[in-house]
Amino acid sequence: MVMGELRMHALSIIEIRDMFGASTELAGTLRQLAGERFRVAAPQHRQRGLLGKLGPFLKRSAADSPVFPDGMPLPSDWENLIAGRYIAPDRVDVSWQVIDTWVDALDWGTWTAPVAPSGLDDLDFALARAGMPSRYGLRKLMADDPQLTIRPGTGMRVGYSKNQHVLATLASLEQVVDEVDESHRPIAQGLRDFLADIPRWTAEATELNRPAPDLFVVWRDDIRG
């Protein structure tokens, strides 16, 4: 069956947008993260035959060049993101692998849950029946456009909600979570437990002179189980 994946990151939308057209300092951090995550092992054996014989006379033998597996981001992909350049349609999906890596590494916390294609509406309906106002539903947590320089990848929905809305959603969710029907209660409790850390992360962000964490939400419908 097709099973979607809902992934929430506690990270300021300002800090996410800053990744595109990044400052020199941030660019260095992003390059390091991408390089470590998508490192390609050096070839173990020099190619035999004519190419191998010519190798010493070439500036760099093709046998020594890294070979990136299909579907794996290239250094040019993260350099284009860092520079804020246009991302060609055929590089959008692999570029999102890079963005996922950056956000995972720099956010305050991440919550992931399996959600079927109809699951977003089903959970919102369950929360509403438990007494949660519709303005604090799950879809409202991903209703704002993050306004990134890259469009969503295949089967993706991307959105965010501001810190104050997240805190208000937490307060509302805490009041109704125990009334959610049993089939949806585990995911509702998981969401509540994750959002419960937002106030602490907000205070820590203030101490570190970082922007308060918003909620960046990515949903993919192409996870198969």
N, C-alpha and C. Protein backbone atom coordinates (compact mmCIF):
# COMPACT_ATOMS: atom_id res chain seq x y z
N MET A 1 0.84 -1.19 0.00
CA MET A 1 0.00 0.00 0.00
C MET A 1 0.87 1.24 0.00
N VAL A 2 0.31 2.33 -0.49
CA VAL A 2 1.04 3.60 -0.48
C VAL A 2 0.89 4.23 0.89
N MET A 3 2.00 4.58 1.51
CA MET A 3 1.97 5.21 2.82
C MET A 3 2.79 6.49 2.77
N GLY A 4 2.19 7.57 3.17
CA GLY A 4 2.90 8.83 3.19
C GLY A 4 3.72 8.98 4.46
N GLU A 5 4.59 9.98 4.46
CA GLU A 5 5.40 10.28 5.64
C GLU A 5 5.27 11.75 5.96
N LEU A 6 4.90 12.04 7.18
CA LEU A 6 4.80 13.41 7.67
C LEU A 6 6.04 13.70 8.51
N ARG A 7 6.72 14.78 8.16
CA ARG A 7 7.97 15.12 8.86
C ARG A 7 7.92 16.58 9.28
N MET A 8 8.08 16.81 10.57
CA MET A 8 8.02 18.17 11.11
C MET A 8 9.36 18.54 11.73
N HIS A 9 9.81 19.76 11.43
CA HIS A 9 11.08 20.26 11.95
C HIS A 9 10.84 21.54 12.74
N ALA A 10 11.41 21.61 13.92
CA ALA A 10 11.37 22.84 14.69
C ALA A 10 12.57 23.69 14.29
N LEU A 11 12.34 24.65 13.40
CA LEU A 11 13.41 25.50 12.90
C LEU A 11 12.80 26.76 12.31
N SER A 12 13.41 27.88 12.58
CA SER A 12 12.92 29.16 12.06
C SER A 12 12.91 29.15 10.54
N ILE A 13 11.83 29.63 9.97
CA ILE A 13 11.77 29.72 8.51
C ILE A 13 12.83 30.69 7.99
N ILE A 14 13.23 31.64 8.81
CA ILE A 14 14.30 32.57 8.42
C ILE A 14 15.60 31.81 8.22
N GLU A 15 15.90 30.89 9.14
CA GLU A 15 17.13 30.12 9.03
C GLU A 15 17.09 29.17 7.83
N ILE A 16 15.92 28.70 7.48
CA ILE A 16 15.80 27.84 6.30
C ILE A 16 16.02 28.66 5.03
N ARG A 17 15.37 29.80 4.95
CA ARG A 17 15.53 30.65 3.76
C ARG A 17 16.97 31.12 3.61
N ASP A 18 17.67 31.30 4.73
CA ASP A 18 19.06 31.75 4.67
C ASP A 18 19.98 30.72 4.03
N MET A 19 19.53 29.48 3.91
CA MET A 19 20.35 28.46 3.27
C MET A 19 20.51 28.71 1.78
N PHE A 20 19.56 29.44 1.19
CA PHE A 20 19.56 29.72 -0.24
C PHE A 20 20.16 31.12 -0.46
N GLY A 21 21.36 31.15 -1.03
CA GLY A 21 22.09 32.41 -1.07
C GLY A 21 22.77 32.63 0.26
N ALA A 22 23.37 31.56 0.79
CA ALA A 22 23.91 31.56 2.15
C ALA A 22 25.12 32.48 2.31
N SER A 23 25.28 32.95 3.54
CA SER A 23 26.47 33.73 3.88
C SER A 23 27.70 32.82 3.81
N THR A 24 28.88 33.43 3.82
CA THR A 24 30.11 32.65 3.72
C THR A 24 30.23 31.64 4.85
N GLU A 25 29.93 32.07 6.07
CA GLU A 25 30.05 31.17 7.22
C GLU A 25 29.05 30.02 7.12
N LEU A 26 27.79 30.34 6.84
CA LEU A 26 26.78 29.30 6.74
C LEU A 26 27.07 28.38 5.56
N ALA A 27 27.52 28.94 4.44
CA ALA A 27 27.83 28.13 3.27
C ALA A 27 28.87 27.06 3.60
N GLY A 28 29.86 27.41 4.40
CA GLY A 28 30.87 26.44 4.79
C GLY A 28 30.27 25.29 5.58
N THR A 29 29.35 25.61 6.49
CA THR A 29 28.68 24.57 7.28
C THR A 29 27.84 23.68 6.38
N LEU A 30 27.10 24.28 5.45
CA LEU A 30 26.24 23.50 4.57
C LEU A 30 27.05 22.58 3.65
N ARG A 31 28.17 23.08 3.15
CA ARG A 31 29.02 22.24 2.29
C ARG A 31 29.55 21.03 3.07
N GLN A 32 29.94 21.28 4.31
CA GLN A 32 30.47 20.19 5.13
C GLN A 32 29.39 19.14 5.39
N LEU A 33 28.19 19.59 5.72
CA LEU A 33 27.10 18.65 6.00
C LEU A 33 26.76 17.81 4.77
N ALA A 34 26.65 18.48 3.61
CA ALA A 34 26.32 17.75 2.39
C ALA A 34 27.45 16.82 1.98
N GLY A 35 28.69 17.29 2.09
CA GLY A 35 29.83 16.47 1.71
C GLY A 35 29.95 15.21 2.54
N GLU A 36 29.65 15.33 3.85
CA GLU A 36 29.72 14.16 4.72
C GLU A 36 28.57 13.20 4.45
N ARG A 37 27.40 13.75 4.21
CA ARG A 37 26.22 12.89 4.01
C ARG A 37 26.29 12.16 2.67
N PHE A 38 26.79 12.84 1.64
CA PHE A 38 26.78 12.25 0.30
C PHE A 38 28.20 11.97 -0.19
N ARG A 39 29.06 11.57 0.71
CA ARG A 39 30.44 11.27 0.36
C ARG A 39 30.49 10.04 -0.54
N VAL A 40 31.34 10.11 -1.55
CA VAL A 40 31.55 8.98 -2.47
C VAL A 40 32.94 8.43 -2.22
N ALA A 41 33.01 7.13 -2.00
CA ALA A 41 34.31 6.51 -1.73
C ALA A 41 35.21 6.61 -2.96
N ALA A 42 36.49 6.81 -2.70
CA ALA A 42 37.45 6.86 -3.80
C ALA A 42 37.56 5.47 -4.43
N PRO A 43 37.80 5.40 -5.73
CA PRO A 43 37.97 4.10 -6.40
C PRO A 43 39.08 3.29 -5.75
N GLN A 44 38.87 1.98 -5.61
CA GLN A 44 39.85 1.13 -4.95
C GLN A 44 40.91 0.60 -5.91
N HIS A 45 40.57 0.53 -7.19
CA HIS A 45 41.51 -0.05 -8.15
C HIS A 45 41.58 0.83 -9.40
N ARG A 46 42.79 1.03 -9.88
CA ARG A 46 42.95 1.77 -11.12
C ARG A 46 42.51 0.90 -12.29
N GLN A 47 41.81 1.50 -13.24
CA GLN A 47 41.33 0.77 -14.41
C GLN A 47 42.51 0.24 -15.23
N ARG A 48 42.39 -1.00 -15.65
CA ARG A 48 43.44 -1.61 -16.45
C ARG A 48 43.25 -1.28 -17.93
N GLY A 49 44.20 -1.65 -18.75
CA GLY A 49 44.08 -1.44 -20.18
C GLY A 49 44.68 -0.12 -20.60
N LEU A 50 44.25 0.35 -21.76
CA LEU A 50 44.82 1.55 -22.35
C LEU A 50 44.68 2.75 -21.43
N LEU A 51 43.47 2.91 -20.80
CA LEU A 51 43.25 4.06 -19.94
C LEU A 51 44.20 4.01 -18.76
N GLY A 52 44.39 2.81 -18.22
CA GLY A 52 45.30 2.68 -17.09
C GLY A 52 46.73 3.03 -17.47
N LYS A 53 47.13 2.65 -18.67
CA LYS A 53 48.49 2.97 -19.11
C LYS A 53 48.68 4.45 -19.35
N LEU A 54 47.61 5.10 -19.83
CA LEU A 54 47.71 6.52 -20.11
C LEU A 54 47.55 7.37 -18.85
N GLY A 55 47.02 6.74 -17.80
CA GLY A 55 46.71 7.48 -16.58
C GLY A 55 47.82 8.38 -16.09
N PRO A 56 49.07 7.88 -15.96
CA PRO A 56 50.15 8.72 -15.44
C PRO A 56 50.40 9.95 -16.28
N PHE A 57 49.99 9.90 -17.57
CA PHE A 57 50.25 11.04 -18.45
C PHE A 57 49.08 12.02 -18.47
N LEU A 58 47.98 11.65 -17.81
CA LEU A 58 46.82 12.53 -17.75
C LEU A 58 46.84 13.31 -16.45
N LYS A 59 46.29 14.51 -16.50
CA LYS A 59 46.24 15.31 -15.29
C LYS A 59 45.44 14.58 -14.22
N ARG A 60 44.36 13.94 -14.64
CA ARG A 60 43.56 13.15 -13.70
C ARG A 60 42.91 12.03 -14.47
N SER A 61 43.21 10.81 -14.13
CA SER A 61 42.64 9.67 -14.83
C SER A 61 41.16 9.55 -14.53
N ALA A 62 40.39 9.20 -15.55
CA ALA A 62 38.96 8.98 -15.35
C ALA A 62 38.73 7.86 -14.36
N ALA A 63 39.67 6.94 -14.23
CA ALA A 63 39.52 5.83 -13.29
C ALA A 63 39.52 6.32 -11.85
N ASP A 64 40.09 7.50 -11.60
CA ASP A 64 40.16 8.03 -10.25
C ASP A 64 39.01 9.00 -9.95
N SER A 65 38.17 9.26 -10.93
CA SER A 65 37.07 10.20 -10.72
C SER A 65 35.94 9.52 -9.97
N PRO A 66 35.36 10.19 -8.98
CA PRO A 66 34.26 9.57 -8.24
C PRO A 66 33.06 9.35 -9.14
N VAL A 67 32.38 8.25 -8.92
CA VAL A 67 31.17 7.93 -9.67
C VAL A 67 29.99 8.04 -8.72
N PHE A 68 29.09 8.97 -8.97
CA PHE A 68 27.94 9.18 -8.11
C PHE A 68 26.79 8.28 -8.56
N PRO A 69 26.22 7.49 -7.66
CA PRO A 69 25.08 6.64 -8.03
C PRO A 69 23.91 7.47 -8.52
N ASP A 70 23.12 6.87 -9.39
CA ASP A 70 21.92 7.55 -9.87
C ASP A 70 21.03 7.92 -8.68
N GLY A 71 20.47 9.11 -8.72
CA GLY A 71 19.59 9.56 -7.65
C GLY A 71 20.30 10.15 -6.47
N MET A 72 21.62 10.26 -6.53
CA MET A 72 22.40 10.84 -5.44
C MET A 72 22.78 12.28 -5.79
N PRO A 73 22.66 13.20 -4.85
CA PRO A 73 23.03 14.59 -5.13
C PRO A 73 24.50 14.73 -5.49
N LEU A 74 24.78 15.68 -6.36
CA LEU A 74 26.14 16.01 -6.76
C LEU A 74 26.58 17.29 -6.05
N PRO A 75 27.88 17.52 -5.93
CA PRO A 75 28.33 18.79 -5.35
C PRO A 75 27.73 20.00 -6.06
N SER A 76 27.50 19.88 -7.36
CA SER A 76 26.90 21.01 -8.08
C SER A 76 25.48 21.29 -7.60
N ASP A 77 24.79 20.26 -7.11
CA ASP A 77 23.43 20.46 -6.60
C ASP A 77 23.45 21.33 -5.36
N TRP A 78 24.31 21.00 -4.39
CA TRP A 78 24.30 21.83 -3.18
C TRP A 78 24.95 23.19 -3.41
N GLU A 79 25.86 23.28 -4.38
CA GLU A 79 26.41 24.59 -4.69
C GLU A 79 25.34 25.50 -5.30
N ASN A 80 24.48 24.94 -6.13
CA ASN A 80 23.38 25.73 -6.71
C ASN A 80 22.41 26.19 -5.63
N LEU A 81 22.12 25.32 -4.67
CA LEU A 81 21.24 25.70 -3.56
C LEU A 81 21.88 26.80 -2.72
N ILE A 82 23.13 26.61 -2.37
CA ILE A 82 23.84 27.59 -1.53
C ILE A 82 23.88 28.95 -2.21
N ALA A 83 24.04 28.95 -3.53
CA ALA A 83 24.12 30.21 -4.27
C ALA A 83 22.74 30.80 -4.55
N GLY A 84 21.68 30.04 -4.28
CA GLY A 84 20.34 30.52 -4.55
C GLY A 84 19.99 30.52 -6.02
N ARG A 85 20.63 29.64 -6.79
CA ARG A 85 20.38 29.59 -8.23
C ARG A 85 19.10 28.81 -8.55
N TYR A 86 18.66 28.97 -9.76
CA TYR A 86 17.52 28.20 -10.28
C TYR A 86 17.87 26.72 -10.27
N ILE A 87 16.92 25.89 -9.82
CA ILE A 87 17.12 24.44 -9.81
C ILE A 87 16.32 23.83 -10.95
N ALA A 88 17.03 23.18 -11.85
CA ALA A 88 16.37 22.55 -13.01
C ALA A 88 15.40 21.48 -12.54
N PRO A 89 14.29 21.30 -13.26
CA PRO A 89 13.27 20.33 -12.83
C PRO A 89 13.82 18.93 -12.57
N ASP A 90 14.80 18.48 -13.37
CA ASP A 90 15.31 17.12 -13.19
C ASP A 90 16.27 17.00 -12.01
N ARG A 91 16.57 18.12 -11.33
CA ARG A 91 17.44 18.09 -10.14
C ARG A 91 16.70 18.47 -8.87
N VAL A 92 15.39 18.66 -8.97
CA VAL A 92 14.62 19.08 -7.80
C VAL A 92 14.59 17.98 -6.74
N ASP A 93 14.26 16.75 -7.13
CA ASP A 93 14.13 15.67 -6.15
C ASP A 93 15.44 15.41 -5.41
N VAL A 94 16.56 15.33 -6.14
CA VAL A 94 17.84 15.08 -5.46
C VAL A 94 18.26 16.28 -4.62
N SER A 95 17.88 17.48 -5.05
CA SER A 95 18.22 18.66 -4.27
C SER A 95 17.49 18.67 -2.94
N TRP A 96 16.28 18.12 -2.92
CA TRP A 96 15.55 18.02 -1.65
C TRP A 96 16.22 17.06 -0.69
N GLN A 97 16.97 16.08 -1.20
CA GLN A 97 17.76 15.24 -0.31
C GLN A 97 18.78 16.08 0.46
N VAL A 98 19.36 17.04 -0.24
CA VAL A 98 20.33 17.93 0.40
C VAL A 98 19.65 18.81 1.44
N ILE A 99 18.51 19.38 1.07
CA ILE A 99 17.78 20.26 1.99
C ILE A 99 17.36 19.48 3.23
N ASP A 100 16.88 18.25 3.04
CA ASP A 100 16.51 17.41 4.18
C ASP A 100 17.70 17.23 5.11
N THR A 101 18.87 16.99 4.54
CA THR A 101 20.08 16.80 5.34
C THR A 101 20.39 18.05 6.15
N TRP A 102 20.31 19.21 5.53
CA TRP A 102 20.60 20.45 6.22
C TRP A 102 19.61 20.73 7.35
N VAL A 103 18.34 20.58 7.04
CA VAL A 103 17.31 20.88 8.04
C VAL A 103 17.40 19.90 9.20
N ASP A 104 17.62 18.61 8.91
CA ASP A 104 17.77 17.62 9.97
C ASP A 104 18.91 17.98 10.91
N ALA A 105 20.00 18.47 10.33
CA ALA A 105 21.20 18.76 11.13
C ALA A 105 21.07 20.04 11.95
N LEU A 106 20.32 21.01 11.45
CA LEU A 106 20.30 22.32 12.08
C LEU A 106 19.04 22.61 12.88
N ASP A 107 18.02 21.75 12.78
CA ASP A 107 16.80 22.06 13.52
C ASP A 107 16.96 21.72 15.00
N TRP A 108 15.97 22.14 15.78
CA TRP A 108 15.96 21.87 17.22
C TRP A 108 15.45 20.47 17.52
N GLY A 109 14.64 19.95 16.65
CA GLY A 109 14.09 18.62 16.83
C GLY A 109 13.24 18.25 15.63
N THR A 110 13.05 16.95 15.43
CA THR A 110 12.29 16.44 14.28
C THR A 110 11.29 15.40 14.77
N TRP A 111 10.11 15.43 14.19
CA TRP A 111 9.10 14.41 14.48
C TRP A 111 8.62 13.84 13.16
N THR A 112 8.59 12.52 13.07
CA THR A 112 8.18 11.83 11.85
C THR A 112 7.08 10.84 12.18
N ALA A 113 6.08 10.78 11.30
CA ALA A 113 4.98 9.84 11.50
C ALA A 113 4.50 9.34 10.14
N PRO A 114 4.14 8.04 10.06
CA PRO A 114 3.55 7.54 8.81
C PRO A 114 2.11 8.04 8.68
N VAL A 115 1.80 8.63 7.57
CA VAL A 115 0.46 9.17 7.34
C VAL A 115 0.05 8.82 5.92
N ALA A 116 -1.04 8.08 5.78
CA ALA A 116 -1.55 7.71 4.47
C ALA A 116 -2.07 8.95 3.74
N PRO A 117 -2.27 8.86 2.42
CA PRO A 117 -2.73 10.03 1.67
C PRO A 117 -3.97 10.70 2.26
N SER A 118 -4.87 9.90 2.82
CA SER A 118 -6.09 10.48 3.42
C SER A 118 -5.90 10.80 4.90
N GLY A 119 -4.70 10.50 5.41
CA GLY A 119 -4.49 10.61 6.85
C GLY A 119 -4.52 12.02 7.40
N LEU A 120 -4.10 13.00 6.60
CA LEU A 120 -4.11 14.37 7.08
C LEU A 120 -5.52 14.82 7.40
N ASP A 121 -6.44 14.54 6.48
CA ASP A 121 -7.83 14.93 6.71
C ASP A 121 -8.46 14.09 7.82
N ASP A 122 -8.12 12.80 7.87
CA ASP A 122 -8.68 11.93 8.90
C ASP A 122 -8.28 12.40 10.29
N LEU A 123 -7.01 12.77 10.45
CA LEU A 123 -6.55 13.22 11.76
C LEU A 123 -7.19 14.56 12.13
N ASP A 124 -7.29 15.45 11.17
CA ASP A 124 -7.95 16.73 11.44
C ASP A 124 -9.40 16.51 11.86
N PHE A 125 -10.08 15.57 11.22
CA PHE A 125 -11.47 15.28 11.57
C PHE A 125 -11.55 14.71 12.99
N ALA A 126 -10.60 13.82 13.33
CA ALA A 126 -10.58 13.24 14.67
C ALA A 126 -10.32 14.31 15.74
N LEU A 127 -9.42 15.24 15.43
CA LEU A 127 -9.14 16.32 16.38
C LEU A 127 -10.35 17.23 16.54
N ALA A 128 -11.04 17.52 15.43
CA ALA A 128 -12.22 18.37 15.49
C ALA A 128 -13.33 17.71 16.32
N ARG A 129 -13.51 16.41 16.14
CA ARG A 129 -14.54 15.71 16.91
C ARG A 129 -14.21 15.71 18.40
N ALA A 130 -12.91 15.77 18.72
CA ALA A 130 -12.50 15.82 20.13
C ALA A 130 -12.64 17.21 20.72
N GLY A 131 -12.96 18.19 19.87
CA GLY A 131 -13.19 19.55 20.35
C GLY A 131 -12.13 20.56 20.00
N MET A 132 -11.19 20.20 19.13
CA MET A 132 -10.13 21.14 18.77
C MET A 132 -10.63 22.08 17.67
N PRO A 133 -10.49 23.40 17.84
CA PRO A 133 -10.91 24.35 16.80
C PRO A 133 -10.18 24.09 15.49
N SER A 134 -10.88 24.27 14.38
CA SER A 134 -10.29 23.97 13.07
C SER A 134 -9.08 24.84 12.76
N ARG A 135 -8.99 26.02 13.37
CA ARG A 135 -7.84 26.89 13.08
C ARG A 135 -6.54 26.32 13.63
N TYR A 136 -6.63 25.27 14.45
CA TYR A 136 -5.43 24.64 14.99
C TYR A 136 -5.24 23.22 14.47
N GLY A 137 -5.87 22.90 13.36
CA GLY A 137 -5.75 21.56 12.81
C GLY A 137 -4.39 21.29 12.21
N LEU A 138 -4.20 20.02 11.84
CA LEU A 138 -2.91 19.60 11.29
C LEU A 138 -2.57 20.35 10.01
N ARG A 139 -3.53 20.50 9.13
CA ARG A 139 -3.26 21.21 7.88
C ARG A 139 -2.91 22.67 8.12
N LYS A 140 -3.41 23.25 9.19
CA LYS A 140 -3.08 24.64 9.51
C LYS A 140 -1.61 24.76 9.91
N LEU A 141 -1.03 23.66 10.40
CA LEU A 141 0.38 23.70 10.77
C LEU A 141 1.30 23.73 9.55
N MET A 142 0.73 23.47 8.37
CA MET A 142 1.54 23.51 7.15
C MET A 142 0.88 24.39 6.09
N ALA A 143 0.10 25.36 6.56
CA ALA A 143 -0.69 26.18 5.63
C ALA A 143 0.10 27.32 5.01
N ASP A 144 1.15 27.80 5.66
CA ASP A 144 1.89 28.95 5.14
C ASP A 144 2.92 28.52 4.10
N ASP A 145 3.09 29.35 3.08
CA ASP A 145 4.07 29.09 2.02
C ASP A 145 5.47 29.46 2.52
N PRO A 146 6.41 28.51 2.54
CA PRO A 146 7.76 28.85 3.01
C PRO A 146 8.53 29.77 2.08
N GLN A 147 8.06 29.93 0.83
CA GLN A 147 8.66 30.85 -0.14
C GLN A 147 10.15 30.56 -0.33
N LEU A 148 10.45 29.31 -0.65
CA LEU A 148 11.82 28.91 -0.95
C LEU A 148 12.08 29.07 -2.44
N THR A 149 13.34 29.03 -2.82
CA THR A 149 13.70 29.21 -4.23
C THR A 149 13.67 27.88 -4.98
N ILE A 150 13.10 26.85 -4.40
CA ILE A 150 12.96 25.56 -5.04
C ILE A 150 11.53 25.08 -4.83
N ARG A 151 10.95 24.51 -5.85
CA ARG A 151 9.58 24.01 -5.72
C ARG A 151 9.59 22.66 -5.02
N PRO A 152 8.46 22.20 -4.48
CA PRO A 152 8.41 20.87 -3.86
C PRO A 152 8.76 19.78 -4.86
N GLY A 153 9.32 18.70 -4.35
CA GLY A 153 9.67 17.57 -5.19
C GLY A 153 8.45 16.72 -5.52
N THR A 154 8.68 15.62 -6.18
CA THR A 154 7.61 14.72 -6.59
C THR A 154 6.87 14.17 -5.38
N GLY A 155 5.55 14.31 -5.37
CA GLY A 155 4.75 13.77 -4.27
C GLY A 155 4.93 14.48 -2.95
N MET A 156 5.41 15.71 -2.98
CA MET A 156 5.68 16.45 -1.75
C MET A 156 4.69 17.58 -1.54
N ARG A 157 4.40 17.85 -0.28
CA ARG A 157 3.73 19.07 0.12
C ARG A 157 4.60 19.71 1.20
N VAL A 158 4.84 20.99 1.06
CA VAL A 158 5.73 21.68 1.98
C VAL A 158 5.02 22.92 2.52
N GLY A 159 5.14 23.15 3.81
CA GLY A 159 4.53 24.33 4.41
C GLY A 159 5.15 24.59 5.77
N TYR A 160 4.68 25.64 6.40
CA TYR A 160 5.20 25.94 7.74
C TYR A 160 4.16 26.73 8.51
N SER A 161 4.39 26.86 9.80
CA SER A 161 3.57 27.72 10.65
C SER A 161 4.50 28.46 11.60
N LYS A 162 4.11 29.67 11.95
CA LYS A 162 4.95 30.52 12.78
C LYS A 162 4.91 30.06 14.24
N ASN A 163 5.92 30.47 14.95
CA ASN A 163 6.11 30.03 16.34
C ASN A 163 4.87 30.28 17.20
N GLN A 164 4.27 31.44 17.10
CA GLN A 164 3.12 31.75 17.95
C GLN A 164 1.95 30.83 17.64
N HIS A 165 1.75 30.52 16.36
CA HIS A 165 0.66 29.61 16.00
C HIS A 165 0.94 28.20 16.53
N VAL A 166 2.18 27.80 16.48
CA VAL A 166 2.55 26.47 16.98
C VAL A 166 2.28 26.38 18.48
N LEU A 167 2.64 27.41 19.21
CA LEU A 167 2.39 27.41 20.65
C LEU A 167 0.90 27.39 20.96
N ALA A 168 0.12 28.12 20.17
CA ALA A 168 -1.34 28.12 20.37
C ALA A 168 -1.93 26.74 20.05
N THR A 169 -1.38 26.10 19.01
CA THR A 169 -1.83 24.76 18.65
C THR A 169 -1.52 23.77 19.76
N LEU A 170 -0.35 23.89 20.35
CA LEU A 170 0.03 23.03 21.47
C LEU A 170 -0.96 23.19 22.62
N ALA A 171 -1.29 24.41 22.98
CA ALA A 171 -2.22 24.65 24.09
C ALA A 171 -3.59 24.03 23.81
N SER A 172 -4.05 24.14 22.57
CA SER A 172 -5.34 23.57 22.20
C SER A 172 -5.28 22.05 22.18
N LEU A 173 -4.20 21.51 21.65
CA LEU A 173 -4.06 20.06 21.54
C LEU A 173 -4.00 19.41 22.92
N GLU A 174 -3.33 20.05 23.86
CA GLU A 174 -3.23 19.51 25.21
C GLU A 174 -4.60 19.35 25.86
N GLN A 175 -5.54 20.18 25.48
CA GLN A 175 -6.88 20.14 26.08
C GLN A 175 -7.74 19.00 25.53
N VAL A 176 -7.44 18.54 24.31
CA VAL A 176 -8.33 17.57 23.67
C VAL A 176 -7.69 16.21 23.40
N VAL A 177 -6.38 16.09 23.55
CA VAL A 177 -5.69 14.89 23.08
C VAL A 177 -6.23 13.61 23.71
N ASP A 178 -6.64 13.66 24.95
CA ASP A 178 -7.15 12.45 25.61
C ASP A 178 -8.56 12.10 25.15
N GLU A 179 -9.20 12.99 24.41
CA GLU A 179 -10.55 12.74 23.91
C GLU A 179 -10.54 12.27 22.46
N VAL A 180 -9.38 12.24 21.84
CA VAL A 180 -9.27 11.79 20.45
C VAL A 180 -9.56 10.28 20.41
N ASP A 181 -10.26 9.82 19.37
CA ASP A 181 -10.61 8.41 19.28
C ASP A 181 -9.35 7.55 19.27
N GLU A 182 -9.52 6.30 19.74
CA GLU A 182 -8.37 5.44 19.98
C GLU A 182 -7.51 5.20 18.74
N SER A 183 -8.12 5.16 17.56
CA SER A 183 -7.34 4.88 16.36
C SER A 183 -6.40 6.02 15.99
N HIS A 184 -6.74 7.24 16.39
CA HIS A 184 -5.91 8.41 16.07
C HIS A 184 -5.15 8.97 17.28
N ARG A 185 -5.45 8.42 18.45
CA ARG A 185 -4.84 8.98 19.66
C ARG A 185 -3.32 8.85 19.69
N PRO A 186 -2.73 7.72 19.27
CA PRO A 186 -1.26 7.63 19.33
C PRO A 186 -0.56 8.72 18.52
N ILE A 187 -1.02 9.00 17.30
CA ILE A 187 -0.35 10.02 16.50
C ILE A 187 -0.62 11.41 17.09
N ALA A 188 -1.83 11.62 17.65
CA ALA A 188 -2.13 12.91 18.28
C ALA A 188 -1.25 13.12 19.50
N GLN A 189 -1.03 12.06 20.27
CA GLN A 189 -0.16 12.17 21.45
C GLN A 189 1.29 12.38 21.04
N GLY A 190 1.71 11.72 19.95
CA GLY A 190 3.07 11.93 19.47
C GLY A 190 3.30 13.36 19.02
N LEU A 191 2.31 13.92 18.34
CA LEU A 191 2.41 15.32 17.92
C LEU A 191 2.44 16.23 19.14
N ARG A 192 1.57 15.97 20.11
CA ARG A 192 1.56 16.79 21.34
C ARG A 192 2.91 16.74 22.06
N ASP A 193 3.47 15.55 22.16
CA ASP A 193 4.76 15.41 22.86
C ASP A 193 5.87 16.17 22.14
N PHE A 194 5.84 16.14 20.81
CA PHE A 194 6.86 16.88 20.05
C PHE A 194 6.68 18.39 20.23
N LEU A 195 5.45 18.86 20.07
CA LEU A 195 5.21 20.30 20.19
C LEU A 195 5.46 20.79 21.61
N ALA A 196 5.39 19.90 22.58
CA ALA A 196 5.61 20.29 23.98
C ALA A 196 7.03 20.78 24.23
N ASP A 197 7.95 20.44 23.32
CA ASP A 197 9.33 20.92 23.47
C ASP A 197 9.55 22.30 22.86
N ILE A 198 8.58 22.78 22.09
CA ILE A 198 8.74 24.07 21.42
C ILE A 198 8.96 25.22 22.41
N PRO A 199 8.22 25.30 23.52
CA PRO A 199 8.49 26.41 24.46
C PRO A 199 9.93 26.41 24.98
N ARG A 200 10.46 25.22 25.28
CA ARG A 200 11.85 25.15 25.77
C ARG A 200 12.82 25.56 24.68
N TRP A 201 12.60 25.08 23.47
CA TRP A 201 13.49 25.45 22.36
C TRP A 201 13.39 26.95 22.05
N THR A 202 12.21 27.51 22.23
CA THR A 202 12.04 28.95 22.00
C THR A 202 12.88 29.75 22.99
N ALA A 203 12.86 29.32 24.26
CA ALA A 203 13.66 30.00 25.28
C ALA A 203 15.16 29.84 24.99
N GLU A 204 15.57 28.65 24.58
CA GLU A 204 16.99 28.42 24.29
C GLU A 204 17.43 29.23 23.08
N ALA A 205 16.55 29.36 22.09
CA ALA A 205 16.89 30.16 20.91
C ALA A 205 17.12 31.61 21.29
N THR A 206 16.31 32.13 22.19
CA THR A 206 16.48 33.51 22.65
C THR A 206 17.83 33.69 23.32
N GLU A 207 18.21 32.72 24.14
CA GLU A 207 19.50 32.80 24.84
C GLU A 207 20.67 32.77 23.86
N LEU A 208 20.51 32.05 22.76
CA LEU A 208 21.58 31.92 21.77
C LEU A 208 21.50 32.96 20.66
N ASN A 209 20.55 33.89 20.80
CA ASN A 209 20.35 34.94 19.80
C ASN A 209 20.00 34.36 18.44
N ARG A 210 19.25 33.25 18.46
CA ARG A 210 18.73 32.67 17.23
C ARG A 210 17.24 32.97 17.12
N PRO A 211 16.68 32.98 15.92
CA PRO A 211 15.23 33.19 15.79
C PRO A 211 14.46 32.05 16.45
N ALA A 212 13.30 32.37 17.00
CA ALA A 212 12.47 31.34 17.62
C ALA A 212 12.09 30.28 16.58
N PRO A 213 12.07 29.02 16.98
CA PRO A 213 11.75 27.96 16.01
C PRO A 213 10.29 28.02 15.54
N ASP A 214 10.12 28.00 14.24
CA ASP A 214 8.81 27.81 13.64
C ASP A 214 8.64 26.30 13.43
N LEU A 215 7.60 25.92 12.69
CA LEU A 215 7.40 24.50 12.38
C LEU A 215 7.41 24.35 10.87
N PHE A 216 8.45 23.68 10.35
CA PHE A 216 8.59 23.42 8.93
C PHE A 216 8.11 22.00 8.67
N VAL A 217 7.13 21.86 7.79
CA VAL A 217 6.46 20.57 7.60
C VAL A 217 6.64 20.07 6.16
N VAL A 218 7.05 18.82 6.04
CA VAL A 218 7.19 18.17 4.74
C VAL A 218 6.37 16.89 4.77
N TRP A 219 5.49 16.71 3.79
CA TRP A 219 4.74 15.48 3.67
C TRP A 219 5.00 14.87 2.31
N ARG A 220 5.32 13.58 2.30
CA ARG A 220 5.58 12.84 1.07
C ARG A 220 4.58 11.71 0.95
N ASP A 221 4.08 11.51 -0.26
CA ASP A 221 3.09 10.46 -0.46
C ASP A 221 3.65 9.25 -1.19
N ASP A 222 4.98 9.19 -1.35
CA ASP A 222 5.57 8.12 -2.16
C ASP A 222 6.37 7.11 -1.33
N ILE A 223 6.06 7.02 -0.02
CA ILE A 223 6.69 6.02 0.82
C ILE A 223 5.85 4.75 0.73
N ARG A 224 6.44 3.66 0.30
CA ARG A 224 5.65 2.44 0.09
C ARG A 224 6.00 1.39 1.14
N GLY A 225 4.95 0.74 1.61
CA GLY A 225 5.14 -0.31 2.60
C GLY A 225 4.32 -1.54 2.27
